[in-house]
Amino acid sequence: MPLVTSTEMFKKAYEGGYAIGAFNVNNMEIVQGITEAARDLDAPLILQVSKGARAYANHTYLIKLVEAAVIECPNVPIVLHLDHGPDFETCKSCIDGGFTSVMIDASGKPFDENIEITRKVVEYAHDHGVVVEAELGTLAGIEDEVNVSAEESSYTRPEEVEEFVSRTGCDSLAIAIGTSHGAFKFKPGTKPQLRFDVLEEVSRRLPGFPIVLHGSSSVPQEFVEKINKFGGNMPGAIGVPEDQLRHAAELSVCKINIDSDLRLAMTACIREHFAQNPGDFDPRQYLKPARQAIKDMVSHKLIHVLGCDHKI
């Protein structure tokens, strides 16, 4: 099966009350762990690449890794998506380079400028059979190239979404309802709570339209504890409760982004391996269990958070 767009995936997810997992990829082991989990669970999948990942691994290498995954998992519908495209030029490069979906993130711009930039990307993407995700509202946090302070963040204004979608022609919309980028999403001692009132109002105004949640890693404490136990330093790392994400998937959220949890699973496993096997120096010795840790974590997300297992 060749790479696909998210159009049919999102239609089925919206109607079925589940969400598609959008997992960030940076190297071979991460691609393998994610796609093997999806293959074993018959789950559709979005593999997404950030500007930082393209700078780290090179566009061509990432494309070829995803193409290999398509060959190895022929029954899994896979979307190749640009995460947080900062400008038209980056989106165009990915569209021309084989991506089937791109995100243009002009959420930090004034409303009309966001519309203008997004519309330009949409016109080019649609001419090339590619779908576009846009963003309205600004998430706090730090992850890859994204760095937004709590003071600069803002919830999505539901009264703006109809005009934004109508004027841009975007295919899905990322909104800000309290998720946050990175592993330090909330202050210690606070109770994370997503703004479902905002989500429900957006859904009322955009019936049937696919909504996206960024910054949706749950920061499992077993990973944090293991990292800290074996020499790490991550005090106060807190994520979005999984039950809240599952509820969002039951509503209008069709795509949930997960990146930090991949990093945590991999890092925790590697730190533990080095502590228990100080003589190992062959990368295969620690990357093999790290790949399995990613697969196990993704399998958990597909079943218990996203609810999209056995949806192919």
C-alpha atoms as a PDB file:
ATOM      1  CA  MET A   1       0.000   0.000   0.000  1.00  0.00           C
ATOM      2  CA  PRO A   2       1.489   3.405  -0.948  1.00  0.00           C
ATOM      3  CA  LEU A   3       1.518   6.374   1.412  1.00  0.00           C
ATOM      4  CA  VAL A   4      -1.974   7.828   1.851  1.00  0.00           C
ATOM      5  CA  THR A   5      -3.528  11.095   2.979  1.00  0.00           C
ATOM      6  CA  SER A   6      -5.429  11.364   6.242  1.00  0.00           C
ATOM      7  CA  THR A   7      -8.802  12.184   4.635  1.00  0.00           C
ATOM      8  CA  GLU A   8     -10.379   8.731   4.838  1.00  0.00           C
ATOM      9  CA  MET A   9      -8.627   7.972   8.159  1.00  0.00           C
ATOM     10  CA  PHE A  10     -10.142  11.033   9.802  1.00  0.00           C
ATOM     11  CA  LYS A  11     -13.612  10.354   8.418  1.00  0.00           C
ATOM     12  CA  LYS A  12     -13.611   6.874   9.927  1.00  0.00           C
ATOM     13  CA  ALA A  13     -12.068   8.084  13.191  1.00  0.00           C
ATOM     14  CA  TYR A  14     -14.655  10.853  13.617  1.00  0.00           C
ATOM     15  CA  GLU A  15     -17.520   8.457  13.014  1.00  0.00           C
ATOM     16  CA  GLY A  16     -15.968   5.723  15.150  1.00  0.00           C
ATOM     17  CA  GLY A  17     -15.031   7.775  18.203  1.00  0.00           C
ATOM     18  CA  TYR A  18     -11.312   7.121  18.086  1.00  0.00           C
ATOM     19  CA  ALA A  19      -8.184   9.041  17.078  1.00  0.00           C
ATOM     20  CA  ILE A  20      -5.226   8.325  14.827  1.00  0.00           C
ATOM     21  CA  GLY A  21      -1.847   8.293  16.519  1.00  0.00           C
ATOM     22  CA  ALA A  22       0.610  10.779  15.038  1.00  0.00           C
ATOM     23  CA  PHE A  23       4.076   9.779  16.211  1.00  0.00           C
ATOM     24  CA  ASN A  24       7.235  11.782  15.548  1.00  0.00           C
ATOM     25  CA  VAL A  25      10.134   9.939  13.934  1.00  0.00           C
ATOM     26  CA  ASN A  26      13.844  10.724  13.921  1.00  0.00           C
ATOM     27  CA  ASN A  27      15.703   7.474  13.217  1.00  0.00           C
ATOM     28  CA  MET A  28      15.334   3.864  12.106  1.00  0.00           C
ATOM     29  CA  GLU A  29      14.582   2.308  15.493  1.00  0.00           C
ATOM     30  CA  ILE A  30      11.780   4.781  16.205  1.00  0.00           C
ATOM     31  CA  VAL A  31      10.191   4.143  12.787  1.00  0.00           C
ATOM     32  CA  GLN A  32      10.453   0.392  13.298  1.00  0.00           C
ATOM     33  CA  GLY A  33       9.020   0.398  16.816  1.00  0.00           C
ATOM     34  CA  ILE A  34       6.017   2.522  15.836  1.00  0.00           C
ATOM     35  CA  THR A  35       5.153   0.720  12.614  1.00  0.00           C
ATOM     36  CA  GLU A  36       5.590  -2.766  14.070  1.00  0.00           C
ATOM     37  CA  ALA A  37       3.108  -1.882  16.814  1.00  0.00           C
ATOM     38  CA  ALA A  38       0.604  -0.590  14.250  1.00  0.00           C
ATOM     39  CA  ARG A  39       1.091  -3.658  12.059  1.00  0.00           C
ATOM     40  CA  ASP A  40       0.473  -6.069  14.932  1.00  0.00           C
ATOM     41  CA  LEU A  41      -2.658  -4.179  16.022  1.00  0.00           C
ATOM     42  CA  ASP A  42      -4.095  -3.398  12.575  1.00  0.00           C
ATOM     43  CA  ALA A  43      -4.016   0.319  13.337  1.00  0.00           C
ATOM     44  CA  PRO A  44      -3.812   3.177  10.816  1.00  0.00           C
ATOM     45  CA  LEU A  45      -0.864   5.448  11.429  1.00  0.00           C
ATOM     46  CA  ILE A  46       0.586   8.905  10.924  1.00  0.00           C
ATOM     47  CA  LEU A  47       4.367   9.204  10.942  1.00  0.00           C
ATOM     48  CA  GLN A  48       5.317  12.832  11.355  1.00  0.00           C
ATOM     49  CA  VAL A  49       8.556  14.664  10.837  1.00  0.00           C
ATOM     50  CA  SER A  50       9.457  18.017  12.346  1.00  0.00           C
ATOM     51  CA  LYS A  51      11.751  20.674  10.954  1.00  0.00           C
ATOM     52  CA  GLY A  52      14.266  19.585  13.585  1.00  0.00           C
ATOM     53  CA  ALA A  53      14.051  15.947  12.508  1.00  0.00           C
ATOM     54  CA  ARG A  54      14.715  16.926   8.903  1.00  0.00           C
ATOM     55  CA  ALA A  55      17.757  18.909  10.022  1.00  0.00           C
ATOM     56  CA  TYR A  56      18.994  15.997  12.149  1.00  0.00           C
ATOM     57  CA  ALA A  57      18.378  12.989   9.915  1.00  0.00           C
ATOM     58  CA  ASN A  58      18.089  14.594   6.438  1.00  0.00           C
ATOM     59  CA  HIS A  59      14.899  14.655   4.393  1.00  0.00           C
ATOM     60  CA  THR A  60      16.035  11.860   2.065  1.00  0.00           C
ATOM     61  CA  TYR A  61      16.969   9.446   4.856  1.00  0.00           C
ATOM     62  CA  LEU A  62      13.624   9.981   6.582  1.00  0.00           C
ATOM     63  CA  ILE A  63      11.670   9.478   3.362  1.00  0.00           C
ATOM     64  CA  LYS A  64      13.519   6.233   2.668  1.00  0.00           C
ATOM     65  CA  LEU A  65      12.968   4.964   6.221  1.00  0.00           C
ATOM     66  CA  VAL A  66       9.239   5.570   5.864  1.00  0.00           C
ATOM     67  CA  GLU A  67       9.231   3.950   2.422  1.00  0.00           C
ATOM     68  CA  ALA A  68      10.871   0.893   3.988  1.00  0.00           C
ATOM     69  CA  ALA A  69       8.158   0.823   6.643  1.00  0.00           C
ATOM     70  CA  VAL A  70       5.506   0.877   3.921  1.00  0.00           C
ATOM     71  CA  ILE A  71       7.148  -2.176   2.326  1.00  0.00           C
ATOM     72  CA  GLU A  72       7.489  -4.022   5.647  1.00  0.00           C
ATOM     73  CA  CYS A  73       3.929  -3.178   6.751  1.00  0.00           C
ATOM     74  CA  PRO A  74       1.986  -3.387   3.476  1.00  0.00           C
ATOM     75  CA  ASN A  75      -1.444  -3.572   5.102  1.00  0.00           C
ATOM     76  CA  VAL A  76      -1.019  -0.514   7.332  1.00  0.00           C
ATOM     77  CA  PRO A  77      -2.310   2.794   5.927  1.00  0.00           C
ATOM     78  CA  ILE A  78       0.509   5.270   6.639  1.00  0.00           C
ATOM     79  CA  VAL A  79       0.472   9.057   6.290  1.00  0.00           C
ATOM     80  CA  LEU A  80       3.775  10.937   6.098  1.00  0.00           C
ATOM     81  CA  HIS A  81       3.157  14.302   7.736  1.00  0.00           C
ATOM     82  CA  LEU A  82       5.177  17.464   8.306  1.00  0.00           C
ATOM     83  CA  ASP A  83       4.790  18.574  11.927  1.00  0.00           C
ATOM     84  CA  HIS A  84       4.863  22.320  12.664  1.00  0.00           C
ATOM     85  CA  GLY A  85       5.924  23.558   9.256  1.00  0.00           C
ATOM     86  CA  PRO A  86       7.098  27.095  10.013  1.00  0.00           C
ATOM     87  CA  ASP A  87       6.612  28.641   6.563  1.00  0.00           C
ATOM     88  CA  PHE A  88       5.436  28.100   3.005  1.00  0.00           C
ATOM     89  CA  GLU A  89       8.897  27.136   1.759  1.00  0.00           C
ATOM     90  CA  THR A  90       9.265  24.264   4.240  1.00  0.00           C
ATOM     91  CA  CYS A  91       5.792  22.983   3.432  1.00  0.00           C
ATOM     92  CA  LYS A  92       6.474  23.211  -0.304  1.00  0.00           C
ATOM     93  CA  SER A  93       9.720  21.293   0.081  1.00  0.00           C
ATOM     94  CA  CYS A  94       7.920  18.475   1.876  1.00  0.00           C
ATOM     95  CA  ILE A  95       5.040  18.426  -0.599  1.00  0.00           C
ATOM     96  CA  ASP A  96       7.477  18.259  -3.491  1.00  0.00           C
ATOM     97  CA  GLY A  97       9.524  15.654  -1.609  1.00  0.00           C
ATOM     98  CA  GLY A  98       6.825  13.032  -1.160  1.00  0.00           C
ATOM     99  CA  PHE A  99       4.902  13.944   2.004  1.00  0.00           C
ATOM    100  CA  THR A 100       1.163  13.281   1.855  1.00  0.00           C
ATOM    101  CA  SER A 101       0.224  15.751   4.596  1.00  0.00           C
ATOM    102  CA  VAL A 102       1.717  18.977   5.936  1.00  0.00           C
ATOM    103  CA  MET A 103       1.033  21.259   8.855  1.00  0.00           C
ATOM    104  CA  ILE A 104       1.511  24.976   8.459  1.00  0.00           C
ATOM    105  CA  ASP A 105       1.874  26.530  11.885  1.00  0.00           C
ATOM    106  CA  ALA A 106       1.244  30.257  11.642  1.00  0.00           C
ATOM    107  CA  SER A 107      -0.582  30.288  14.979  1.00  0.00           C
ATOM    108  CA  GLY A 108       1.838  32.840  16.409  1.00  0.00           C
ATOM    109  CA  LYS A 109       0.813  35.360  13.738  1.00  0.00           C
ATOM    110  CA  PRO A 110      -2.188  37.704  13.842  1.00  0.00           C
ATOM    111  CA  PHE A 111      -5.453  36.059  12.779  1.00  0.00           C
ATOM    112  CA  ASP A 112      -5.595  37.494   9.238  1.00  0.00           C
ATOM    113  CA  GLU A 113      -1.916  36.779   8.617  1.00  0.00           C
ATOM    114  CA  ASN A 114      -2.383  33.202   9.832  1.00  0.00           C
ATOM    115  CA  ILE A 115      -5.218  32.855   7.320  1.00  0.00           C
ATOM    116  CA  GLU A 116      -3.154  34.323   4.482  1.00  0.00           C
ATOM    117  CA  ILE A 117      -0.162  32.049   5.074  1.00  0.00           C
ATOM    118  CA  THR A 118      -2.306  28.975   5.607  1.00  0.00           C
ATOM    119  CA  ARG A 119      -4.358  29.634   2.488  1.00  0.00           C
ATOM    120  CA  LYS A 120      -1.198  29.849   0.373  1.00  0.00           C
ATOM    121  CA  VAL A 121      -0.031  26.455   1.642  1.00  0.00           C
ATOM    122  CA  VAL A 122      -3.495  24.927   1.149  1.00  0.00           C
ATOM    123  CA  GLU A 123      -3.683  26.058  -2.469  1.00  0.00           C
ATOM    124  CA  TYR A 124      -0.282  24.577  -3.320  1.00  0.00           C
ATOM    125  CA  ALA A 125      -0.872  21.369  -1.333  1.00  0.00           C
ATOM    126  CA  HIS A 126      -4.307  20.667  -2.802  1.00  0.00           C
ATOM    127  CA  ASP A 127      -2.942  21.191  -6.301  1.00  0.00           C
ATOM    128  CA  HIS A 128      -0.518  18.341  -5.511  1.00  0.00           C
ATOM    129  CA  GLY A 129      -2.983  15.984  -3.793  1.00  0.00           C
ATOM    130  CA  VAL A 130      -1.682  16.748  -0.289  1.00  0.00           C
ATOM    131  CA  VAL A 131      -3.793  17.632   2.772  1.00  0.00           C
ATOM    132  CA  VAL A 132      -3.124  20.466   5.200  1.00  0.00           C
ATOM    133  CA  GLU A 133      -3.383  20.837   8.958  1.00  0.00           C
ATOM    134  CA  ALA A 134      -3.472  24.353  10.395  1.00  0.00           C
ATOM    135  CA  GLU A 135      -3.402  25.715  13.934  1.00  0.00           C
ATOM    136  CA  LEU A 136      -5.509  28.269  15.763  1.00  0.00           C
ATOM    137  CA  GLY A 137      -4.535  29.104  19.314  1.00  0.00           C
ATOM    138  CA  THR A 138      -1.032  28.682  20.736  1.00  0.00           C
ATOM    139  CA  LEU A 139       0.298  25.870  22.909  1.00  0.00           C
ATOM    140  CA  ALA A 140       2.882  26.528  25.592  1.00  0.00           C
ATOM    141  CA  GLY A 141       5.990  24.396  26.057  1.00  0.00           C
ATOM    142  CA  ILE A 142       9.255  23.420  24.429  1.00  0.00           C
ATOM    143  CA  GLU A 143       9.677  20.587  21.950  1.00  0.00           C
ATOM    144  CA  ASP A 144      12.018  20.511  18.962  1.00  0.00           C
ATOM    145  CA  GLU A 145      11.757  23.884  17.204  1.00  0.00           C
ATOM    146  CA  VAL A 146       8.637  24.924  19.164  1.00  0.00           C
ATOM    147  CA  ASN A 147       9.255  27.209  22.142  1.00  0.00           C
ATOM    148  CA  VAL A 148       6.307  29.134  23.568  1.00  0.00           C
ATOM    149  CA  SER A 149       6.132  30.551  27.075  1.00  0.00           C
ATOM    150  CA  ALA A 150       3.055  30.138  29.247  1.00  0.00           C
ATOM    151  CA  GLU A 151       2.477  33.888  28.984  1.00  0.00           C
ATOM    152  CA  GLU A 152       2.447  33.721  25.176  1.00  0.00           C
ATOM    153  CA  SER A 153       0.103  30.732  24.969  1.00  0.00           C
ATOM    154  CA  SER A 154      -3.607  31.145  24.352  1.00  0.00           C
ATOM    155  CA  TYR A 155      -6.684  28.926  24.116  1.00  0.00           C
ATOM    156  CA  THR A 156      -8.380  28.649  20.759  1.00  0.00           C
ATOM    157  CA  ARG A 157     -11.280  31.092  20.425  1.00  0.00           C
ATOM    158  CA  PRO A 158     -14.260  29.015  19.180  1.00  0.00           C
ATOM    159  CA  GLU A 159     -15.879  32.084  17.621  1.00  0.00           C
ATOM    160  CA  GLU A 160     -12.971  32.269  15.136  1.00  0.00           C
ATOM    161  CA  VAL A 161     -12.878  28.688  13.864  1.00  0.00           C
ATOM    162  CA  GLU A 162     -15.642  28.845  11.266  1.00  0.00           C
ATOM    163  CA  GLU A 163     -14.176  31.888   9.530  1.00  0.00           C
ATOM    164  CA  PHE A 164     -10.673  30.421   9.724  1.00  0.00           C
ATOM    165  CA  VAL A 165     -11.588  27.069   8.177  1.00  0.00           C
ATOM    166  CA  SER A 166     -13.816  28.700   5.551  1.00  0.00           C
ATOM    167  CA  ARG A 167     -11.197  31.216   4.439  1.00  0.00           C
ATOM    168  CA  THR A 168      -8.203  28.845   4.486  1.00  0.00           C
ATOM    169  CA  GLY A 169      -9.722  25.620   3.172  1.00  0.00           C
ATOM    170  CA  CYS A 170      -7.581  23.586   5.605  1.00  0.00           C
ATOM    171  CA  ASP A 171      -8.396  19.892   6.037  1.00  0.00           C
ATOM    172  CA  SER A 172      -7.925  19.634   9.819  1.00  0.00           C
ATOM    173  CA  LEU A 173      -7.414  22.081  12.650  1.00  0.00           C
ATOM    174  CA  ALA A 174      -5.094  21.902  15.655  1.00  0.00           C
ATOM    175  CA  ILE A 175      -6.588  23.712  18.627  1.00  0.00           C
ATOM    176  CA  ALA A 176      -5.294  24.744  22.041  1.00  0.00           C
ATOM    177  CA  ILE A 177      -7.367  23.370  24.941  1.00  0.00           C
ATOM    178  CA  GLY A 178      -4.688  22.948  27.595  1.00  0.00           C
ATOM    179  CA  THR A 179      -2.179  20.474  26.197  1.00  0.00           C
ATOM    180  CA  SER A 180       1.451  21.580  26.083  1.00  0.00           C
ATOM    181  CA  HIS A 181       4.637  20.634  24.262  1.00  0.00           C
ATOM    182  CA  GLY A 182       7.460  18.768  25.975  1.00  0.00           C
ATOM    183  CA  ALA A 183       7.773  16.679  29.136  1.00  0.00           C
ATOM    184  CA  PHE A 184       7.226  19.525  31.607  1.00  0.00           C
ATOM    185  CA  LYS A 185       3.656  20.446  30.694  1.00  0.00           C
ATOM    186  CA  PHE A 186       2.289  21.481  34.071  1.00  0.00           C
ATOM    187  CA  LYS A 187       3.553  22.785  37.376  1.00  0.00           C
ATOM    188  CA  PRO A 188       4.108  20.075  40.017  1.00  0.00           C
ATOM    189  CA  GLY A 189       1.129  19.801  42.343  1.00  0.00           C
ATOM    190  CA  THR A 190      -1.377  21.043  39.774  1.00  0.00           C
ATOM    191  CA  LYS A 191      -4.114  18.839  38.345  1.00  0.00           C
ATOM    192  CA  PRO A 192      -3.970  18.862  34.540  1.00  0.00           C
ATOM    193  CA  GLN A 193      -7.389  19.499  33.038  1.00  0.00           C
ATOM    194  CA  LEU A 194      -8.194  19.917  29.352  1.00  0.00           C
ATOM    195  CA  ARG A 195     -10.771  22.528  28.337  1.00  0.00           C
ATOM    196  CA  PHE A 196     -13.463  20.226  26.989  1.00  0.00           C
ATOM    197  CA  ASP A 197     -15.865  23.157  26.918  1.00  0.00           C
ATOM    198  CA  VAL A 198     -13.681  24.756  24.227  1.00  0.00           C
ATOM    199  CA  LEU A 199     -13.458  21.476  22.298  1.00  0.00           C
ATOM    200  CA  GLU A 200     -17.196  20.939  22.434  1.00  0.00           C
ATOM    201  CA  GLU A 201     -17.938  24.469  21.253  1.00  0.00           C
ATOM    202  CA  VAL A 202     -15.453  24.124  18.383  1.00  0.00           C
ATOM    203  CA  SER A 203     -17.104  20.819  17.450  1.00  0.00           C
ATOM    204  CA  ARG A 204     -20.539  22.431  17.520  1.00  0.00           C
ATOM    205  CA  ARG A 205     -19.372  25.134  15.144  1.00  0.00           C
ATOM    206  CA  LEU A 206     -17.495  22.689  12.877  1.00  0.00           C
ATOM    207  CA  PRO A 207     -19.632  19.535  12.810  1.00  0.00           C
ATOM    208  CA  GLY A 208     -17.823  16.585  11.284  1.00  0.00           C
ATOM    209  CA  PHE A 209     -14.548  18.483  10.963  1.00  0.00           C
ATOM    210  CA  PRO A 210     -11.383  16.717  12.226  1.00  0.00           C
ATOM    211  CA  ILE A 211      -9.691  18.339  15.209  1.00  0.00           C
ATOM    212  CA  VAL A 212      -6.053  17.773  16.205  1.00  0.00           C
ATOM    213  CA  LEU A 213      -4.362  17.846  19.614  1.00  0.00           C
ATOM    214  CA  HIS A 214      -0.675  18.692  19.831  1.00  0.00           C
ATOM    215  CA  GLY A 215       1.455  18.319  22.948  1.00  0.00           C
ATOM    216  CA  SER A 216      -0.412  15.194  24.009  1.00  0.00           C
ATOM    217  CA  SER A 217       2.281  13.036  25.561  1.00  0.00           C
ATOM    218  CA  SER A 218       1.266  11.675  28.961  1.00  0.00           C
ATOM    219  CA  VAL A 219       4.835  11.531  30.326  1.00  0.00           C
ATOM    220  CA  PRO A 220       4.441   8.089  31.978  1.00  0.00           C
ATOM    221  CA  GLN A 221       5.972   8.275  35.415  1.00  0.00           C
ATOM    222  CA  GLU A 222       7.593   4.852  35.132  1.00  0.00           C
ATOM    223  CA  PHE A 223       9.814   6.268  32.390  1.00  0.00           C
ATOM    224  CA  VAL A 224      10.608   9.398  34.369  1.00  0.00           C
ATOM    225  CA  GLU A 225      11.418   7.371  37.473  1.00  0.00           C
ATOM    226  CA  LYS A 226      13.679   5.016  35.538  1.00  0.00           C
ATOM    227  CA  ILE A 227      15.513   7.907  33.896  1.00  0.00           C
ATOM    228  CA  ASN A 228      16.083   9.550  37.262  1.00  0.00           C
ATOM    229  CA  LYS A 229      17.069   6.241  38.876  1.00  0.00           C
ATOM    230  CA  PHE A 230      19.783   5.642  36.315  1.00  0.00           C
ATOM    231  CA  GLY A 231      21.445   9.041  36.340  1.00  0.00           C
ATOM    232  CA  GLY A 232      18.881  11.329  34.731  1.00  0.00           C
ATOM    233  CA  ASN A 233      17.565  14.619  36.039  1.00  0.00           C
ATOM    234  CA  MET A 234      13.900  15.185  35.233  1.00  0.00           C
ATOM    235  CA  PRO A 235      12.194  16.464  38.372  1.00  0.00           C
ATOM    236  CA  GLY A 236       8.569  17.510  37.995  1.00  0.00           C
ATOM    237  CA  ALA A 237       7.953  16.049  34.527  1.00  0.00           C
ATOM    238  CA  ILE A 238       4.159  15.811  34.119  1.00  0.00           C
ATOM    239  CA  GLY A 239       1.969  15.045  31.105  1.00  0.00           C
ATOM    240  CA  VAL A 240      -1.654  14.955  29.972  1.00  0.00           C
ATOM    241  CA  PRO A 241      -3.727  12.251  31.724  1.00  0.00           C
ATOM    242  CA  GLU A 242      -4.502   9.416  29.349  1.00  0.00           C
ATOM    243  CA  ASP A 243      -8.177   9.261  30.306  1.00  0.00           C
ATOM    244  CA  GLN A 244      -8.633  12.861  29.180  1.00  0.00           C
ATOM    245  CA  LEU A 245      -7.017  12.106  25.838  1.00  0.00           C
ATOM    246  CA  ARG A 246      -9.267   9.081  25.406  1.00  0.00           C
ATOM    247  CA  HIS A 247     -12.307  11.267  26.067  1.00  0.00           C
ATOM    248  CA  ALA A 248     -11.082  13.791  23.487  1.00  0.00           C
ATOM    249  CA  ALA A 249     -10.763  10.962  20.959  1.00  0.00           C
ATOM    250  CA  GLU A 250     -14.362   9.979  21.645  1.00  0.00           C
ATOM    251  CA  LEU A 251     -15.427  13.496  20.655  1.00  0.00           C
ATOM    252  CA  SER A 252     -14.137  15.295  17.545  1.00  0.00           C
ATOM    253  CA  VAL A 253     -10.374  14.823  17.976  1.00  0.00           C
ATOM    254  CA  CYS A 254      -9.190  12.622  15.115  1.00  0.00           C
ATOM    255  CA  LYS A 255      -5.410  13.046  15.472  1.00  0.00           C
ATOM    256  CA  ILE A 256      -3.367  13.026  18.672  1.00  0.00           C
ATOM    257  CA  ASN A 257       0.335  13.923  18.516  1.00  0.00           C
ATOM    258  CA  ILE A 258       2.825  11.979  20.623  1.00  0.00           C
ATOM    259  CA  ASP A 259       6.550  12.710  20.684  1.00  0.00           C
ATOM    260  CA  SER A 260       7.931  13.161  24.206  1.00  0.00           C
ATOM    261  CA  ASP A 261       6.672   9.751  25.332  1.00  0.00           C
ATOM    262  CA  LEU A 262       8.731   8.140  22.557  1.00  0.00           C
ATOM    263  CA  ARG A 263      11.828   9.954  23.741  1.00  0.00           C
ATOM    264  CA  LEU A 264      11.176   9.035  27.355  1.00  0.00           C
ATOM    265  CA  ALA A 265      10.635   5.337  26.604  1.00  0.00           C
ATOM    266  CA  MET A 266      13.797   5.145  24.537  1.00  0.00           C
ATOM    267  CA  THR A 267      15.965   7.128  26.954  1.00  0.00           C
ATOM    268  CA  ALA A 268      14.760   5.205  30.014  1.00  0.00           C
ATOM    269  CA  CYS A 269      15.557   1.896  28.349  1.00  0.00           C
ATOM    270  CA  ILE A 270      19.015   2.985  27.196  1.00  0.00           C
ATOM    271  CA  ARG A 271      19.938   4.444  30.590  1.00  0.00           C
ATOM    272  CA  GLU A 272      18.891   1.240  32.314  1.00  0.00           C
ATOM    273  CA  HIS A 273      20.817  -0.870  29.811  1.00  0.00           C
ATOM    274  CA  PHE A 274      24.049   1.051  30.303  1.00  0.00           C
ATOM    275  CA  ALA A 275      23.705   0.910  34.086  1.00  0.00           C
ATOM    276  CA  GLN A 276      23.187  -2.852  34.026  1.00  0.00           C
ATOM    277  CA  ASN A 277      25.608  -3.608  31.187  1.00  0.00           C
ATOM    278  CA  PRO A 278      28.532  -1.178  31.558  1.00  0.00           C
ATOM    279  CA  GLY A 279      30.715  -3.163  29.197  1.00  0.00           C
ATOM    280  CA  ASP A 280      28.377  -2.893  26.196  1.00  0.00           C
ATOM    281  CA  PHE A 281      29.487  -0.618  23.395  1.00  0.00           C
ATOM    282  CA  ASP A 282      27.778  -2.082  20.320  1.00  0.00           C
ATOM    283  CA  PRO A 283      24.822   0.251  19.537  1.00  0.00           C
ATOM    284  CA  ARG A 284      22.717  -2.774  18.594  1.00  0.00           C
ATOM    285  CA  GLN A 285      22.965  -4.021  22.169  1.00  0.00           C
ATOM    286  CA  TYR A 286      21.058  -1.032  23.566  1.00  0.00           C
ATOM    287  CA  LEU A 287      19.062   0.101  20.550  1.00  0.00           C
ATOM    288  CA  LYS A 288      17.325  -3.260  20.161  1.00  0.00           C
ATOM    289  CA  PRO A 289      15.653  -3.135  23.606  1.00  0.00           C
ATOM    290  CA  ALA A 290      15.019   0.591  23.094  1.00  0.00           C
ATOM    291  CA  ARG A 291      13.146  -0.217  19.887  1.00  0.00           C
ATOM    292  CA  GLN A 292      11.064  -2.775  21.779  1.00  0.00           C
ATOM    293  CA  ALA A 293      10.313  -0.195  24.495  1.00  0.00           C
ATOM    294  CA  ILE A 294       8.953   2.162  21.843  1.00  0.00           C
ATOM    295  CA  LYS A 295       6.859  -0.616  20.316  1.00  0.00           C
ATOM    296  CA  ASP A 296       5.389  -1.527  23.714  1.00  0.00           C
ATOM    297  CA  MET A 297       4.587   2.086  24.532  1.00  0.00           C
ATOM    298  CA  VAL A 298       2.983   2.737  21.114  1.00  0.00           C
ATOM    299  CA  SER A 299       0.924  -0.458  21.432  1.00  0.00           C
ATOM    300  CA  HIS A 300      -0.413   0.812  24.744  1.00  0.00           C
ATOM    301  CA  LYS A 301      -1.325   4.170  23.203  1.00  0.00           C
ATOM    302  CA  LEU A 302      -3.056   2.609  20.195  1.00  0.00           C
ATOM    303  CA  ILE A 303      -5.256   0.421  22.389  1.00  0.00           C
ATOM    304  CA  HIS A 304      -5.894   2.336  25.592  1.00  0.00           C
ATOM    305  CA  VAL A 305      -5.575   6.011  24.607  1.00  0.00           C
ATOM    306  CA  LEU A 306      -6.411   6.299  20.925  1.00  0.00           C
ATOM    307  CA  GLY A 307      -8.784   3.334  20.658  1.00  0.00           C
ATOM    308  CA  CYS A 308      -7.696   2.773  17.050  1.00  0.00           C
ATOM    309  CA  ASP A 309      -6.493  -0.828  17.194  1.00  0.00           C
ATOM    310  CA  HIS A 310      -8.146  -3.174  14.678  1.00  0.00           C
ATOM    311  CA  LYS A 311      -9.494  -0.234  12.665  1.00  0.00           C
ATOM    312  CA  ILE A 312      -7.885  -1.124   9.324  1.00  0.00           C
END
